[in-house]
Amino acid sequence: MNTDQIKGAAKEVAGKVQQKTGEVFNSPEQQVKGVAKQVEGGAQKAYGNAKEDIKDATK
């Protein structure tokens, strides 16, 4: 596991919390920011996964 995987997963969770908070407080802006953070986190996690796959393949 590398830092991109960890940071990506954390961003995904933070984005979900932000999205749900936006829903509770009826704030479409926060909902959109939360979804965007989830997408960013997913991309970062996927990048980390790819790095691990390459690292494992070269062993």
C-alpha atoms as a PDB file:
ATOM      1  CA  MET A   1       0.000   0.000   0.000  1.00  0.00           C
ATOM      2  CA  ASN A   2       1.334   3.440  -0.884  1.00  0.00           C
ATOM      3  CA  THR A   3       0.495   7.004   0.074  1.00  0.00           C
ATOM      4  CA  ASP A   4      -1.594   7.633  -3.053  1.00  0.00           C
ATOM      5  CA  GLN A   5      -3.869   4.735  -2.169  1.00  0.00           C
ATOM      6  CA  ILE A   6      -4.258   5.965   1.405  1.00  0.00           C
ATOM      7  CA  LYS A   7      -4.771   9.632   0.518  1.00  0.00           C
ATOM      8  CA  GLY A   8      -7.187   8.689  -2.263  1.00  0.00           C
ATOM      9  CA  ALA A   9      -9.276   6.554   0.057  1.00  0.00           C
ATOM     10  CA  ALA A  10      -9.311   9.341   2.648  1.00  0.00           C
ATOM     11  CA  LYS A  11     -10.488  11.858   0.038  1.00  0.00           C
ATOM     12  CA  GLU A  12     -13.257   9.497  -1.013  1.00  0.00           C
ATOM     13  CA  VAL A  13     -14.491   9.191   2.565  1.00  0.00           C
ATOM     14  CA  ALA A  14     -14.222  12.935   3.158  1.00  0.00           C
ATOM     15  CA  GLY A  15     -16.146  13.553  -0.048  1.00  0.00           C
ATOM     16  CA  LYS A  16     -18.932  11.199   1.018  1.00  0.00           C
ATOM     17  CA  VAL A  17     -19.192  12.978   4.362  1.00  0.00           C
ATOM     18  CA  GLN A  18     -19.252  16.373   2.653  1.00  0.00           C
ATOM     19  CA  GLN A  19     -21.908  15.215   0.190  1.00  0.00           C
ATOM     20  CA  LYS A  20     -24.129  13.805   2.948  1.00  0.00           C
ATOM     21  CA  THR A  21     -23.659  16.959   5.023  1.00  0.00           C
ATOM     22  CA  GLY A  22     -24.772  18.977   2.016  1.00  0.00           C
ATOM     23  CA  GLU A  23     -27.858  16.803   1.708  1.00  0.00           C
ATOM     24  CA  VAL A  24     -28.724  17.229   5.392  1.00  0.00           C
ATOM     25  CA  PHE A  25     -28.316  21.007   5.268  1.00  0.00           C
ATOM     26  CA  ASN A  26     -29.878  21.300   1.793  1.00  0.00           C
ATOM     27  CA  SER A  27     -26.694  22.739   0.283  1.00  0.00           C
ATOM     28  CA  PRO A  28     -26.283  21.721  -3.369  1.00  0.00           C
ATOM     29  CA  GLU A  29     -22.879  23.443  -3.429  1.00  0.00           C
ATOM     30  CA  GLN A  30     -21.537  21.185  -0.670  1.00  0.00           C
ATOM     31  CA  GLN A  31     -23.054  18.137  -2.340  1.00  0.00           C
ATOM     32  CA  VAL A  32     -21.263  18.928  -5.591  1.00  0.00           C
ATOM     33  CA  LYS A  33     -17.984  19.618  -3.796  1.00  0.00           C
ATOM     34  CA  GLY A  34     -18.341  16.290  -2.005  1.00  0.00           C
ATOM     35  CA  VAL A  35     -18.919  14.380  -5.229  1.00  0.00           C
ATOM     36  CA  ALA A  36     -15.947  16.135  -6.835  1.00  0.00           C
ATOM     37  CA  LYS A  37     -13.756  15.175  -3.881  1.00  0.00           C
ATOM     38  CA  GLN A  38     -14.909  11.561  -4.204  1.00  0.00           C
ATOM     39  CA  VAL A  39     -13.953  11.530  -7.884  1.00  0.00           C
ATOM     40  CA  GLU A  40     -10.571  13.090  -7.110  1.00  0.00           C
ATOM     41  CA  GLY A  41      -9.976  10.527  -4.374  1.00  0.00           C
ATOM     42  CA  GLY A  42     -10.964   7.666  -6.647  1.00  0.00           C
ATOM     43  CA  ALA A  43      -8.551   8.836  -9.314  1.00  0.00           C
ATOM     44  CA  GLN A  44      -5.724   9.185  -6.810  1.00  0.00           C
ATOM     45  CA  LYS A  45      -6.453   5.732  -5.390  1.00  0.00           C
ATOM     46  CA  ALA A  46      -6.489   4.234  -8.891  1.00  0.00           C
ATOM     47  CA  TYR A  47      -3.133   5.890  -9.587  1.00  0.00           C
ATOM     48  CA  GLY A  48      -1.762   4.364  -6.394  1.00  0.00           C
ATOM     49  CA  ASN A  49      -3.138   0.967  -7.381  1.00  0.00           C
ATOM     50  CA  ALA A  50      -1.428   1.246 -10.770  1.00  0.00           C
ATOM     51  CA  LYS A  51       1.861   2.145  -9.095  1.00  0.00           C
ATOM     52  CA  GLU A  52       1.572  -0.925  -6.868  1.00  0.00           C
ATOM     53  CA  ASP A  53       0.737  -3.143  -9.851  1.00  0.00           C
ATOM     54  CA  ILE A  54       3.815  -1.916 -11.711  1.00  0.00           C
ATOM     55  CA  LYS A  55       5.966  -2.362  -8.621  1.00  0.00           C
ATOM     56  CA  ASP A  56       4.688  -5.919  -8.158  1.00  0.00           C
ATOM     57  CA  ALA A  57       5.157  -6.751 -11.842  1.00  0.00           C
ATOM     58  CA  THR A  58       8.812  -5.717 -11.776  1.00  0.00           C
ATOM     59  CA  LYS A  59       9.659  -7.990  -8.848  1.00  0.00           C
END
